[in-house]
């Protein structure tokens, strides 16, 4: 039986700068301050939205930053698009798990015309 699974893959420590596991998930992306990036792998979690009335998509490169611990164990931000305002809260129970909450604070249009999206992908978008 062939157990060769292909070329060796670089370990997580090689892919990003060395930081403690408690800081792996943090707001490392200065272009999108309301997103979390897993520094060793480059995986990114970002809030985005589409407004049907404005015909506009945004991944919120600007956000009103609220509470934020240094290790990003808790991060809160508010974002706005076409009169709708949303609060995003993310928390880490430990270095390997994330939890979050999204609250619509103000609606600028009918709910079926405003779409919230959670994007998961590379931080090199």
PDB file of N, CA and C in Angstrom:
ATOM      1  N   UNK A   1       0.845  -1.173   0.000  1.00  0.00           N
ATOM      2  CA  UNK A   1       0.000   0.000   0.000  1.00  0.00           C
ATOM      3  C   UNK A   1       0.894   1.239   0.000  1.00  0.00           C
ATOM      4  N   UNK A   2       0.587   2.179  -0.889  1.00  0.00           N
ATOM      5  CA  UNK A   2       1.346   3.415  -0.989  1.00  0.00           C
ATOM      6  C   UNK A   2       0.823   4.400   0.058  1.00  0.00           C
ATOM      7  N   UNK A   3       1.686   4.808   0.982  1.00  0.00           N
ATOM      8  CA  UNK A   3       1.270   5.750   2.022  1.00  0.00           C
ATOM      9  C   UNK A   3       1.788   7.159   1.744  1.00  0.00           C
ATOM     10  N   UNK A   4       2.345   7.378   0.574  1.00  0.00           N
ATOM     11  CA  UNK A   4       2.844   8.701   0.217  1.00  0.00           C
ATOM     12  C   UNK A   4       1.654   9.635  -0.032  1.00  0.00           C
ATOM     13  N   UNK A   5       1.521  10.677   0.749  1.00  0.00           N
ATOM     14  CA  UNK A   5       0.413  11.615   0.628  1.00  0.00           C
ATOM     15  C   UNK A   5       0.804  12.884  -0.119  1.00  0.00           C
ATOM     16  N   UNK A   6       1.917  12.853  -0.793  1.00  0.00           N
ATOM     17  CA  UNK A   6       2.352  14.026  -1.540  1.00  0.00           C
ATOM     18  C   UNK A   6       3.508  14.719  -0.853  1.00  0.00           C
ATOM     19  N   UNK A   7       3.856  15.893  -1.360  1.00  0.00           N
ATOM     20  CA  UNK A   7       4.993  16.612  -0.784  1.00  0.00           C
ATOM     21  C   UNK A   7       4.701  17.046   0.642  1.00  0.00           C
ATOM     22  N   UNK A   8       5.731  17.177   1.445  1.00  0.00           N
ATOM     23  CA  UNK A   8       5.506  17.606   2.832  1.00  0.00           C
ATOM     24  C   UNK A   8       4.912  19.012   2.869  1.00  0.00           C
ATOM     25  N   UNK A   9       4.039  19.248   3.831  1.00  0.00           N
ATOM     26  CA  UNK A   9       3.396  20.543   4.011  1.00  0.00           C
ATOM     27  C   UNK A   9       4.120  21.278   5.123  1.00  0.00           C
ATOM     28  N   UNK A  10       4.318  22.583   4.911  1.00  0.00           N
ATOM     29  CA  UNK A  10       4.991  23.388   5.932  1.00  0.00           C
ATOM     30  C   UNK A  10       4.145  23.431   7.186  1.00  0.00           C
ATOM     31  N   UNK A  11       4.784  23.405   8.329  1.00  0.00           N
ATOM     32  CA  UNK A  11       4.039  23.478   9.586  1.00  0.00           C
ATOM     33  C   UNK A  11       3.512  24.891   9.776  1.00  0.00           C
ATOM     34  N   UNK A  12       2.520  25.044  10.643  1.00  0.00           N
ATOM     35  CA  UNK A  12       1.904  26.348  10.889  1.00  0.00           C
ATOM     36  C   UNK A  12       2.926  27.366  11.352  1.00  0.00           C
ATOM     37  N   UNK A  13       3.931  26.931  12.106  1.00  0.00           N
ATOM     38  CA  UNK A  13       4.929  27.860  12.614  1.00  0.00           C
ATOM     39  C   UNK A  13       5.745  28.476  11.479  1.00  0.00           C
ATOM     40  N   UNK A  14       5.836  27.801  10.346  1.00  0.00           N
ATOM     41  CA  UNK A  14       6.634  28.301   9.230  1.00  0.00           C
ATOM     42  C   UNK A  14       5.854  29.313   8.403  1.00  0.00           C
ATOM     43  N   UNK A  15       4.517  29.223   8.378  1.00  0.00           N
ATOM     44  CA  UNK A  15       3.702  30.056   7.506  1.00  0.00           C
ATOM     45  C   UNK A  15       3.563  31.495   7.977  1.00  0.00           C
ATOM     46  N   UNK A  16       3.704  31.769   9.227  1.00  0.00           N
ATOM     47  CA  UNK A  16       3.563  33.126   9.743  1.00  0.00           C
ATOM     48  C   UNK A  16       4.595  33.404  10.799  1.00  0.00           C
ATOM     49  N   UNK A  17       4.678  34.663  11.242  1.00  0.00           N
ATOM     50  CA  UNK A  17       5.631  34.992  12.300  1.00  0.00           C
ATOM     51  C   UNK A  17       5.323  34.202  13.568  1.00  0.00           C
ATOM     52  N   UNK A  18       6.339  33.895  14.339  1.00  0.00           N
ATOM     53  CA  UNK A  18       6.093  33.132  15.566  1.00  0.00           C
ATOM     54  C   UNK A  18       5.377  33.981  16.620  1.00  0.00           C
ATOM     55  N   UNK A  19       4.199  33.544  16.997  1.00  0.00           N
ATOM     56  CA  UNK A  19       3.444  34.171  18.087  1.00  0.00           C
ATOM     57  C   UNK A  19       2.855  33.055  18.925  1.00  0.00           C
ATOM     58  N   UNK A  20       2.490  33.362  20.140  1.00  0.00           N
ATOM     59  CA  UNK A  20       1.922  32.341  21.019  1.00  0.00           C
ATOM     60  C   UNK A  20       0.556  31.911  20.486  1.00  0.00           C
ATOM     61  N   UNK A  21       0.129  30.682  20.740  1.00  0.00           N
ATOM     62  CA  UNK A  21      -1.177  30.211  20.264  1.00  0.00           C
ATOM     63  C   UNK A  21      -2.340  31.103  20.709  1.00  0.00           C
ATOM     64  N   UNK A  22      -2.218  31.747  21.862  1.00  0.00           N
ATOM     65  CA  UNK A  22      -3.282  32.634  22.340  1.00  0.00           C
ATOM     66  C   UNK A  22      -3.481  33.820  21.413  1.00  0.00           C
ATOM     67  N   UNK A  23      -2.465  34.165  20.627  1.00  0.00           N
ATOM     68  CA  UNK A  23      -2.550  35.321  19.722  1.00  0.00           C
ATOM     69  C   UNK A  23      -2.682  34.917  18.251  1.00  0.00           C
ATOM     70  N   UNK A  24      -2.768  33.625  17.952  1.00  0.00           N
ATOM     71  CA  UNK A  24      -2.891  33.207  16.552  1.00  0.00           C
ATOM     72  C   UNK A  24      -4.080  33.878  15.870  1.00  0.00           C
ATOM     73  N   UNK A  25      -5.273  33.843  16.478  1.00  0.00           N
ATOM     74  CA  UNK A  25      -6.435  34.552  15.948  1.00  0.00           C
ATOM     75  C   UNK A  25      -6.411  35.963  16.507  1.00  0.00           C
ATOM     76  N   UNK A  26      -6.295  36.963  15.627  1.00  0.00           N
ATOM     77  CA  UNK A  26      -6.269  38.348  16.076  1.00  0.00           C
ATOM     78  C   UNK A  26      -6.653  39.239  14.906  1.00  0.00           C
ATOM     79  N   UNK A  27      -6.748  40.516  15.151  1.00  0.00           N
ATOM     80  CA  UNK A  27      -7.114  41.478  14.109  1.00  0.00           C
ATOM     81  C   UNK A  27      -5.854  41.942  13.384  1.00  0.00           C
ATOM     82  N   UNK A  28      -5.186  41.005  12.718  1.00  0.00           N
ATOM     83  CA  UNK A  28      -3.906  41.289  12.074  1.00  0.00           C
ATOM     84  C   UNK A  28      -4.048  42.068  10.776  1.00  0.00           C
ATOM     85  N   UNK A  29      -5.220  42.072  10.151  1.00  0.00           N
ATOM     86  CA  UNK A  29      -5.415  42.683   8.838  1.00  0.00           C
ATOM     87  C   UNK A  29      -5.770  44.162   8.989  1.00  0.00           C
ATOM     88  N   UNK A  30      -4.804  45.044   8.792  1.00  0.00           N
ATOM     89  CA  UNK A  30      -5.049  46.478   8.977  1.00  0.00           C
ATOM     90  C   UNK A  30      -5.988  47.036   7.912  1.00  0.00           C
ATOM     91  N   UNK A  31      -6.127  46.379   6.760  1.00  0.00           N
ATOM     92  CA  UNK A  31      -7.040  46.840   5.712  1.00  0.00           C
ATOM     93  C   UNK A  31      -8.494  46.519   6.047  1.00  0.00           C
ATOM     94  N   UNK A  32      -8.728  45.581   6.954  1.00  0.00           N
ATOM     95  CA  UNK A  32     -10.078  45.199   7.378  1.00  0.00           C
ATOM     96  C   UNK A  32     -10.057  44.992   8.897  1.00  0.00           C
ATOM     97  N   UNK A  33     -10.142  46.079   9.657  1.00  0.00           N
ATOM     98  CA  UNK A  33      -9.965  45.986  11.110  1.00  0.00           C
ATOM     99  C   UNK A  33     -11.026  45.177  11.843  1.00  0.00           C
ATOM    100  N   UNK A  34     -12.179  44.919  11.216  1.00  0.00           N
ATOM    101  CA  UNK A  34     -13.220  44.139  11.887  1.00  0.00           C
ATOM    102  C   UNK A  34     -13.152  42.662  11.518  1.00  0.00           C
ATOM    103  N   UNK A  35     -12.029  42.230  10.961  1.00  0.00           N
ATOM    104  CA  UNK A  35     -11.887  40.811  10.620  1.00  0.00           C
ATOM    105  C   UNK A  35     -10.866  40.164  11.546  1.00  0.00           C
ATOM    106  N   UNK A  36     -10.961  38.849  11.668  1.00  0.00           N
ATOM    107  CA  UNK A  36      -9.972  38.097  12.436  1.00  0.00           C
ATOM    108  C   UNK A  36      -9.161  37.253  11.473  1.00  0.00           C
ATOM    109  N   UNK A  37      -7.867  37.197  11.700  1.00  0.00           N
ATOM    110  CA  UNK A  37      -6.963  36.411  10.861  1.00  0.00           C
ATOM    111  C   UNK A  37      -6.217  35.425  11.743  1.00  0.00           C
ATOM    112  N   UNK A  38      -6.129  34.184  11.278  1.00  0.00           N
ATOM    113  CA  UNK A  38      -5.315  33.171  11.936  1.00  0.00           C
ATOM    114  C   UNK A  38      -3.917  33.316  11.341  1.00  0.00           C
ATOM    115  N   UNK A  39      -3.028  33.950  12.069  1.00  0.00           N
ATOM    116  CA  UNK A  39      -1.729  34.348  11.542  1.00  0.00           C
ATOM    117  C   UNK A  39      -0.907  33.200  10.969  1.00  0.00           C
ATOM    118  N   UNK A  40      -0.784  32.063  11.636  1.00  0.00           N
ATOM    119  CA  UNK A  40       0.060  31.008  11.069  1.00  0.00           C
ATOM    120  C   UNK A  40      -0.429  30.473   9.722  1.00  0.00           C
ATOM    121  N   UNK A  41      -1.755  30.374   9.533  1.00  0.00           N
ATOM    122  CA  UNK A  41      -2.274  29.780   8.298  1.00  0.00           C
ATOM    123  C   UNK A  41      -2.728  30.807   7.268  1.00  0.00           C
ATOM    124  N   UNK A  42      -2.990  32.043   7.693  1.00  0.00           N
ATOM    125  CA  UNK A  42      -3.507  33.057   6.781  1.00  0.00           C
ATOM    126  C   UNK A  42      -5.013  33.005   6.605  1.00  0.00           C
ATOM    127  N   UNK A  43      -5.710  32.100   7.313  1.00  0.00           N
ATOM    128  CA  UNK A  43      -7.163  31.996   7.233  1.00  0.00           C
ATOM    129  C   UNK A  43      -7.787  33.244   7.839  1.00  0.00           C
ATOM    130  N   UNK A  44      -8.818  33.771   7.184  1.00  0.00           N
ATOM    131  CA  UNK A  44      -9.437  35.012   7.630  1.00  0.00           C
ATOM    132  C   UNK A  44     -10.941  34.836   7.776  1.00  0.00           C
ATOM    133  N   UNK A  45     -11.526  35.445   8.806  1.00  0.00           N
ATOM    134  CA  UNK A  45     -12.962  35.477   9.029  1.00  0.00           C
ATOM    135  C   UNK A  45     -13.380  36.939   8.968  1.00  0.00           C
ATOM    136  N   UNK A  46     -14.286  37.242   8.024  1.00  0.00           N
ATOM    137  CA  UNK A  46     -14.635  38.638   7.780  1.00  0.00           C
ATOM    138  C   UNK A  46     -16.143  38.776   7.595  1.00  0.00           C
ATOM    139  N   UNK A  47     -16.711  39.861   8.120  1.00  0.00           N
ATOM    140  CA  UNK A  47     -18.114  40.188   7.914  1.00  0.00           C
ATOM    141  C   UNK A  47     -18.221  41.046   6.658  1.00  0.00           C
ATOM    142  N   UNK A  48     -19.234  40.773   5.842  1.00  0.00           N
ATOM    143  CA  UNK A  48     -19.517  41.575   4.656  1.00  0.00           C
ATOM    144  C   UNK A  48     -21.029  41.712   4.539  1.00  0.00           C
ATOM    145  N   UNK A  49     -21.482  42.600   3.658  1.00  0.00           N
ATOM    146  CA  UNK A  49     -22.916  42.787   3.463  1.00  0.00           C
ATOM    147  C   UNK A  49     -23.183  43.282   2.052  1.00  0.00           C
ATOM    148  N   UNK A  50     -24.427  43.048   1.620  1.00  0.00           N
ATOM    149  CA  UNK A  50     -24.889  43.563   0.332  1.00  0.00           C
ATOM    150  C   UNK A  50     -26.202  44.293   0.574  1.00  0.00           C
ATOM    151  N   UNK A  51     -26.308  45.497   0.033  1.00  0.00           N
ATOM    152  CA  UNK A  51     -27.531  46.286   0.116  1.00  0.00           C
ATOM    153  C   UNK A  51     -28.202  46.284  -1.248  1.00  0.00           C
ATOM    154  N   UNK A  52     -29.418  45.741  -1.311  1.00  0.00           N
ATOM    155  CA  UNK A  52     -30.166  45.730  -2.561  1.00  0.00           C
ATOM    156  C   UNK A  52     -30.603  47.120  -2.987  1.00  0.00           C
ATOM    157  N   UNK A  53     -30.981  47.969  -2.032  1.00  0.00           N
ATOM    158  CA  UNK A  53     -31.450  49.311  -2.387  1.00  0.00           C
ATOM    159  C   UNK A  53     -30.313  50.169  -2.950  1.00  0.00           C
ATOM    160  N   UNK A  54     -29.112  49.984  -2.425  1.00  0.00           N
ATOM    161  CA  UNK A  54     -27.959  50.749  -2.909  1.00  0.00           C
ATOM    162  C   UNK A  54     -27.229  50.013  -4.028  1.00  0.00           C
ATOM    163  N   UNK A  55     -27.536  48.706  -4.199  1.00  0.00           N
ATOM    164  CA  UNK A  55     -26.825  47.911  -5.197  1.00  0.00           C
ATOM    165  C   UNK A  55     -25.337  47.850  -4.894  1.00  0.00           C
ATOM    166  N   UNK A  56     -25.019  47.732  -3.612  1.00  0.00           N
ATOM    167  CA  UNK A  56     -23.621  47.832  -3.178  1.00  0.00           C
ATOM    168  C   UNK A  56     -23.237  46.712  -2.218  1.00  0.00           C
ATOM    169  N   UNK A  57     -22.021  46.202  -2.404  1.00  0.00           N
ATOM    170  CA  UNK A  57     -21.411  45.203  -1.523  1.00  0.00           C
ATOM    171  C   UNK A  57     -20.298  45.902  -0.743  1.00  0.00           C
ATOM    172  N   UNK A  58     -20.101  45.486   0.506  1.00  0.00           N
ATOM    173  CA  UNK A  58     -18.979  46.009   1.286  1.00  0.00           C
ATOM    174  C   UNK A  58     -18.423  44.910   2.186  1.00  0.00           C
ATOM    175  N   UNK A  59     -17.100  44.842   2.259  1.00  0.00           N
ATOM    176  CA  UNK A  59     -16.456  43.968   3.243  1.00  0.00           C
ATOM    177  C   UNK A  59     -15.872  44.812   4.369  1.00  0.00           C
ATOM    178  N   UNK A  60     -16.390  46.016   4.495  1.00  0.00           N
ATOM    179  CA  UNK A  60     -16.142  46.928   5.614  1.00  0.00           C
ATOM    180  C   UNK A  60     -14.665  47.206   5.892  1.00  0.00           C
ATOM    181  N   UNK A  61     -14.002  47.864   4.937  1.00  0.00           N
ATOM    182  CA  UNK A  61     -12.617  48.267   5.216  1.00  0.00           C
ATOM    183  C   UNK A  61     -12.532  49.346   6.296  1.00  0.00           C
ATOM    184  N   UNK A  62     -13.659  49.989   6.582  1.00  0.00           N
ATOM    185  CA  UNK A  62     -13.709  50.918   7.712  1.00  0.00           C
ATOM    186  C   UNK A  62     -14.770  50.405   8.678  1.00  0.00           C
ATOM    187  N   UNK A  63     -14.481  50.532   9.938  1.00  0.00           N
ATOM    188  CA  UNK A  63     -15.402  50.059  10.974  1.00  0.00           C
ATOM    189  C   UNK A  63     -15.207  50.929  12.208  1.00  0.00           C
ATOM    190  N   UNK A  64     -16.234  51.026  12.999  1.00  0.00           N
ATOM    191  CA  UNK A  64     -16.125  51.706  14.292  1.00  0.00           C
ATOM    192  C   UNK A  64     -15.690  50.649  15.295  1.00  0.00           C
ATOM    193  N   UNK A  65     -14.439  50.705  15.673  1.00  0.00           N
ATOM    194  CA  UNK A  65     -13.897  49.714  16.599  1.00  0.00           C
ATOM    195  C   UNK A  65     -14.335  50.034  18.013  1.00  0.00           C
ATOM    196  N   UNK A  66     -14.764  49.017  18.721  1.00  0.00           N
ATOM    197  CA  UNK A  66     -15.231  49.168  20.093  1.00  0.00           C
ATOM    198  C   UNK A  66     -14.264  48.441  21.015  1.00  0.00           C
ATOM    199  N   UNK A  67     -14.749  47.588  21.882  1.00  0.00           N
ATOM    200  CA  UNK A  67     -13.888  46.870  22.813  1.00  0.00           C
ATOM    201  C   UNK A  67     -12.965  45.911  22.048  1.00  0.00           C
ATOM    202  N   UNK A  68     -11.731  45.794  22.552  1.00  0.00           N
ATOM    203  CA  UNK A  68     -10.760  44.900  21.913  1.00  0.00           C
ATOM    204  C   UNK A  68      -9.667  44.587  22.931  1.00  0.00           C
ATOM    205  N   UNK A  69      -9.557  43.329  23.314  1.00  0.00           N
ATOM    206  CA  UNK A  69      -8.468  42.946  24.213  1.00  0.00           C
ATOM    207  C   UNK A  69      -7.195  42.759  23.389  1.00  0.00           C
ATOM    208  N   UNK A  70      -6.052  42.868  24.016  1.00  0.00           N
ATOM    209  CA  UNK A  70      -4.774  42.778  23.298  1.00  0.00           C
ATOM    210  C   UNK A  70      -4.586  41.436  22.601  1.00  0.00           C
ATOM    211  N   UNK A  71      -5.090  40.363  23.199  1.00  0.00           N
ATOM    212  CA  UNK A  71      -4.944  39.038  22.582  1.00  0.00           C
ATOM    213  C   UNK A  71      -6.164  38.657  21.734  1.00  0.00           C
ATOM    214  N   UNK A  72      -7.075  39.614  21.526  1.00  0.00           N
ATOM    215  CA  UNK A  72      -8.308  39.415  20.756  1.00  0.00           C
ATOM    216  C   UNK A  72      -9.195  38.317  21.339  1.00  0.00           C
ATOM    217  N   UNK A  73      -9.119  38.103  22.652  1.00  0.00           N
ATOM    218  CA  UNK A  73     -10.050  37.153  23.260  1.00  0.00           C
ATOM    219  C   UNK A  73     -11.469  37.721  23.208  1.00  0.00           C
ATOM    220  N   UNK A  74     -11.591  39.040  23.018  1.00  0.00           N
ATOM    221  CA  UNK A  74     -12.879  39.685  22.773  1.00  0.00           C
ATOM    222  C   UNK A  74     -12.661  40.864  21.841  1.00  0.00           C
ATOM    223  N   UNK A  75     -13.459  40.926  20.785  1.00  0.00           N
ATOM    224  CA  UNK A  75     -13.384  42.015  19.802  1.00  0.00           C
ATOM    225  C   UNK A  75     -14.804  42.429  19.465  1.00  0.00           C
ATOM    226  N   UNK A  76     -15.064  43.733  19.445  1.00  0.00           N
ATOM    227  CA  UNK A  76     -16.379  44.240  19.049  1.00  0.00           C
ATOM    228  C   UNK A  76     -16.181  45.405  18.086  1.00  0.00           C
ATOM    229  N   UNK A  77     -17.082  45.488  17.105  1.00  0.00           N
ATOM    230  CA  UNK A  77     -17.030  46.567  16.119  1.00  0.00           C
ATOM    231  C   UNK A  77     -18.421  46.812  15.579  1.00  0.00           C
ATOM    232  N   UNK A  78     -18.648  48.026  15.090  1.00  0.00           N
ATOM    233  CA  UNK A  78     -19.890  48.361  14.399  1.00  0.00           C
ATOM    234  C   UNK A  78     -19.554  48.740  12.974  1.00  0.00           C
ATOM    235  N   UNK A  79     -20.404  48.298  12.052  1.00  0.00           N
ATOM    236  CA  UNK A  79     -20.227  48.623  10.640  1.00  0.00           C
ATOM    237  C   UNK A  79     -21.548  49.162  10.112  1.00  0.00           C
ATOM    238  N   UNK A  80     -21.471  49.915   8.983  1.00  0.00           N
ATOM    239  CA  UNK A  80     -22.665  50.538   8.426  1.00  0.00           C
ATOM    240  C   UNK A  80     -22.624  50.437   6.912  1.00  0.00           C
ATOM    241  N   UNK A  81     -23.781  50.159   6.331  1.00  0.00           N
ATOM    242  CA  UNK A  81     -23.923  50.141   4.876  1.00  0.00           C
ATOM    243  C   UNK A  81     -25.349  50.543   4.530  1.00  0.00           C
ATOM    244  N   UNK A  82     -25.494  51.575   3.727  1.00  0.00           N
ATOM    245  CA  UNK A  82     -26.791  52.024   3.195  1.00  0.00           C
ATOM    246  C   UNK A  82     -27.843  52.220   4.285  1.00  0.00           C
ATOM    247  N   UNK A  83     -27.445  52.803   5.404  1.00  0.00           N
ATOM    248  CA  UNK A  83     -28.385  53.084   6.478  1.00  0.00           C
ATOM    249  C   UNK A  83     -28.618  51.944   7.452  1.00  0.00           C
ATOM    250  N   UNK A  84     -28.052  50.769   7.194  1.00  0.00           N
ATOM    251  CA  UNK A  84     -28.152  49.645   8.137  1.00  0.00           C
ATOM    252  C   UNK A  84     -26.876  49.614   8.969  1.00  0.00           C
ATOM    253  N   UNK A  85     -27.050  49.408  10.267  1.00  0.00           N
ATOM    254  CA  UNK A  85     -25.917  49.356  11.193  1.00  0.00           C
ATOM    255  C   UNK A  85     -25.906  48.014  11.888  1.00  0.00           C
ATOM    256  N   UNK A  86     -24.722  47.403  11.959  1.00  0.00           N
ATOM    257  CA  UNK A  86     -24.581  46.059  12.514  1.00  0.00           C
ATOM    258  C   UNK A  86     -23.437  46.053  13.525  1.00  0.00           C
ATOM    259  N   UNK A  87     -23.648  45.331  14.627  1.00  0.00           N
ATOM    260  CA  UNK A  87     -22.598  45.149  15.629  1.00  0.00           C
ATOM    261  C   UNK A  87     -22.101  43.713  15.524  1.00  0.00           C
ATOM    262  N   UNK A  88     -20.790  43.569  15.468  1.00  0.00           N
ATOM    263  CA  UNK A  88     -20.139  42.267  15.410  1.00  0.00           C
ATOM    264  C   UNK A  88     -19.324  42.084  16.677  1.00  0.00           C
ATOM    265  N   UNK A  89     -19.509  40.925  17.332  1.00  0.00           N
ATOM    266  CA  UNK A  89     -18.719  40.580  18.508  1.00  0.00           C
ATOM    267  C   UNK A  89     -18.124  39.199  18.289  1.00  0.00           C
ATOM    268  N   UNK A  90     -16.838  39.069  18.538  1.00  0.00           N
ATOM    269  CA  UNK A  90     -16.146  37.787  18.425  1.00  0.00           C
ATOM    270  C   UNK A  90     -15.395  37.531  19.719  1.00  0.00           C
ATOM    271  N   UNK A  91     -15.363  36.270  20.139  1.00  0.00           N
ATOM    272  CA  UNK A  91     -14.672  35.912  21.373  1.00  0.00           C
ATOM    273  C   UNK A  91     -14.005  34.554  21.208  1.00  0.00           C
ATOM    274  N   UNK A  92     -12.908  34.382  21.932  1.00  0.00           N
ATOM    275  CA  UNK A  92     -12.181  33.111  21.931  1.00  0.00           C
ATOM    276  C   UNK A  92     -12.253  32.514  23.331  1.00  0.00           C
ATOM    277  N   UNK A  93     -12.754  31.297  23.417  1.00  0.00           N
ATOM    278  CA  UNK A  93     -12.758  30.594  24.698  1.00  0.00           C
ATOM    279  C   UNK A  93     -11.378  30.021  24.987  1.00  0.00           C
ATOM    280  N   UNK A  94     -10.676  29.666  23.916  1.00  0.00           N
ATOM    281  CA  UNK A  94      -9.318  29.141  24.001  1.00  0.00           C
ATOM    282  C   UNK A  94      -8.652  29.429  22.653  1.00  0.00           C
ATOM    283  N   UNK A  95      -7.372  29.129  22.488  1.00  0.00           N
ATOM    284  CA  UNK A  95      -6.688  29.471  21.241  1.00  0.00           C
ATOM    285  C   UNK A  95      -7.236  28.774  19.994  1.00  0.00           C
ATOM    286  N   UNK A  96      -8.059  27.753  20.163  1.00  0.00           N
ATOM    287  CA  UNK A  96      -8.478  26.949  19.017  1.00  0.00           C
ATOM    288  C   UNK A  96      -9.975  27.028  18.715  1.00  0.00           C
ATOM    289  N   UNK A  97     -10.698  27.934  19.359  1.00  0.00           N
ATOM    290  CA  UNK A  97     -12.127  28.056  19.081  1.00  0.00           C
ATOM    291  C   UNK A  97     -12.552  29.526  19.063  1.00  0.00           C
ATOM    292  N   UNK A  98     -13.511  29.823  18.190  1.00  0.00           N
ATOM    293  CA  UNK A  98     -14.059  31.171  18.075  1.00  0.00           C
ATOM    294  C   UNK A  98     -15.570  31.102  18.248  1.00  0.00           C
ATOM    295  N   UNK A  99     -16.117  32.127  18.814  1.00  0.00           N
ATOM    296  CA  UNK A  99     -17.567  32.273  18.900  1.00  0.00           C
ATOM    297  C   UNK A  99     -17.904  33.694  18.518  1.00  0.00           C
ATOM    298  N   UNK A 100     -19.114  33.919  18.086  1.00  0.00           N
ATOM    299  CA  UNK A 100     -19.457  35.269  17.684  1.00  0.00           C
ATOM    300  C   UNK A 100     -20.935  35.552  17.744  1.00  0.00           C
ATOM    301  N   UNK A 101     -21.238  36.841  17.616  1.00  0.00           N
ATOM    302  CA  UNK A 101     -22.629  37.290  17.618  1.00  0.00           C
ATOM    303  C   UNK A 101     -22.723  38.490  16.682  1.00  0.00           C
ATOM    304  N   UNK A 102     -23.787  38.499  15.889  1.00  0.00           N
ATOM    305  CA  UNK A 102     -24.061  39.625  15.004  1.00  0.00           C
ATOM    306  C   UNK A 102     -25.426  40.175  15.402  1.00  0.00           C
ATOM    307  N   UNK A 103     -25.499  41.483  15.628  1.00  0.00           N
ATOM    308  CA  UNK A 103     -26.763  42.122  15.991  1.00  0.00           C
ATOM    309  C   UNK A 103     -27.040  43.265  15.027  1.00  0.00           C
ATOM    310  N   UNK A 104     -28.220  43.277  14.436  1.00  0.00           N
ATOM    311  CA  UNK A 104     -28.625  44.384  13.576  1.00  0.00           C
ATOM    312  C   UNK A 104     -29.149  45.486  14.487  1.00  0.00           C
ATOM    313  N   UNK A 105     -28.474  46.629  14.475  1.00  0.00           N
ATOM    314  CA  UNK A 105     -28.830  47.735  15.360  1.00  0.00           C
ATOM    315  C   UNK A 105     -29.823  48.681  14.703  1.00  0.00           C
ATOM    316  N   UNK A 106     -29.736  48.813  13.400  1.00  0.00           N
ATOM    317  CA  UNK A 106     -30.605  49.727  12.666  1.00  0.00           C
ATOM    318  C   UNK A 106     -30.784  49.189  11.250  1.00  0.00           C
ATOM    319  N   UNK A 107     -32.017  49.161  10.769  1.00  0.00           N
ATOM    320  CA  UNK A 107     -32.266  48.680   9.413  1.00  0.00           C
ATOM    321  C   UNK A 107     -32.531  49.860   8.491  1.00  0.00           C
ATOM    322  N   UNK A 108     -31.808  49.893   7.390  1.00  0.00           N
ATOM    323  CA  UNK A 108     -31.975  50.962   6.420  1.00  0.00           C
ATOM    324  C   UNK A 108     -32.865  50.557   5.265  1.00  0.00           C
ATOM    325  N   UNK A 109     -33.292  49.290   5.262  1.00  0.00           N
ATOM    326  CA  UNK A 109     -34.159  48.794   4.192  1.00  0.00           C
ATOM    327  C   UNK A 109     -34.816  47.501   4.639  1.00  0.00           C
ATOM    328  N   UNK A 110     -35.701  47.010   3.833  1.00  0.00           N
ATOM    329  CA  UNK A 110     -36.415  45.779   4.118  1.00  0.00           C
ATOM    330  C   UNK A 110     -35.418  44.640   4.299  1.00  0.00           C
ATOM    331  N   UNK A 111     -35.626  43.791   5.273  1.00  0.00           N
ATOM    332  CA  UNK A 111     -34.641  42.773   5.670  1.00  0.00           C
ATOM    333  C   UNK A 111     -34.215  41.847   4.537  1.00  0.00           C
ATOM    334  N   UNK A 112     -35.121  41.499   3.616  1.00  0.00           N
ATOM    335  CA  UNK A 112     -34.742  40.591   2.537  1.00  0.00           C
ATOM    336  C   UNK A 112     -33.884  41.260   1.468  1.00  0.00           C
ATOM    337  N   UNK A 113     -33.699  42.572   1.584  1.00  0.00           N
ATOM    338  CA  UNK A 113     -32.858  43.284   0.613  1.00  0.00           C
ATOM    339  C   UNK A 113     -31.476  43.603   1.193  1.00  0.00           C
ATOM    340  N   UNK A 114     -31.250  43.277   2.442  1.00  0.00           N
ATOM    341  CA  UNK A 114     -29.954  43.513   3.082  1.00  0.00           C
ATOM    342  C   UNK A 114     -29.402  42.162   3.526  1.00  0.00           C
ATOM    343  N   UNK A 115     -28.316  41.748   2.935  1.00  0.00           N
ATOM    344  CA  UNK A 115     -27.765  40.420   3.192  1.00  0.00           C
ATOM    345  C   UNK A 115     -26.460  40.537   3.958  1.00  0.00           C
ATOM    346  N   UNK A 116     -26.374  39.838   5.075  1.00  0.00           N
ATOM    347  CA  UNK A 116     -25.132  39.744   5.836  1.00  0.00           C
ATOM    348  C   UNK A 116     -24.408  38.471   5.421  1.00  0.00           C
ATOM    349  N   UNK A 117     -23.102  38.568   5.274  1.00  0.00           N
ATOM    350  CA  UNK A 117     -22.289  37.438   4.841  1.00  0.00           C
ATOM    351  C   UNK A 117     -21.123  37.263   5.793  1.00  0.00           C
ATOM    352  N   UNK A 118     -20.818  36.022   6.133  1.00  0.00           N
ATOM    353  CA  UNK A 118     -19.587  35.699   6.848  1.00  0.00           C
ATOM    354  C   UNK A 118     -18.659  35.053   5.834  1.00  0.00           C
ATOM    355  N   UNK A 119     -17.538  35.688   5.589  1.00  0.00           N
ATOM    356  CA  UNK A 119     -16.588  35.188   4.611  1.00  0.00           C
ATOM    357  C   UNK A 119     -15.445  34.492   5.330  1.00  0.00           C
ATOM    358  N   UNK A 120     -15.103  33.331   4.856  1.00  0.00           N
ATOM    359  CA  UNK A 120     -13.986  32.569   5.393  1.00  0.00           C
ATOM    360  C   UNK A 120     -13.069  32.266   4.227  1.00  0.00           C
ATOM    361  N   UNK A 121     -11.829  32.701   4.322  1.00  0.00           N
ATOM    362  CA  UNK A 121     -10.901  32.479   3.216  1.00  0.00           C
ATOM    363  C   UNK A 121      -9.517  32.948   3.561  1.00  0.00           C
ATOM    364  N   UNK A 122      -8.741  33.217   2.550  1.00  0.00           N
ATOM    365  CA  UNK A 122      -7.353  33.636   2.720  1.00  0.00           C
ATOM    366  C   UNK A 122      -7.281  35.113   3.072  1.00  0.00           C
ATOM    367  N   UNK A 123      -6.365  35.467   3.907  1.00  0.00           N
ATOM    368  CA  UNK A 123      -6.179  36.872   4.240  1.00  0.00           C
ATOM    369  C   UNK A 123      -5.508  37.633   3.102  1.00  0.00           C
ATOM    370  N   UNK A 124      -5.128  36.946   2.043  1.00  0.00           N
ATOM    371  CA  UNK A 124      -4.477  37.574   0.886  1.00  0.00           C
ATOM    372  C   UNK A 124      -5.482  37.933  -0.200  1.00  0.00           C
ATOM    373  N   UNK A 125      -6.755  38.181   0.163  1.00  0.00           N
ATOM    374  CA  UNK A 125      -7.795  38.495  -0.830  1.00  0.00           C
ATOM    375  C   UNK A 125      -7.421  39.659  -1.654  1.00  0.00           C
TER     376      UNK A 125
END
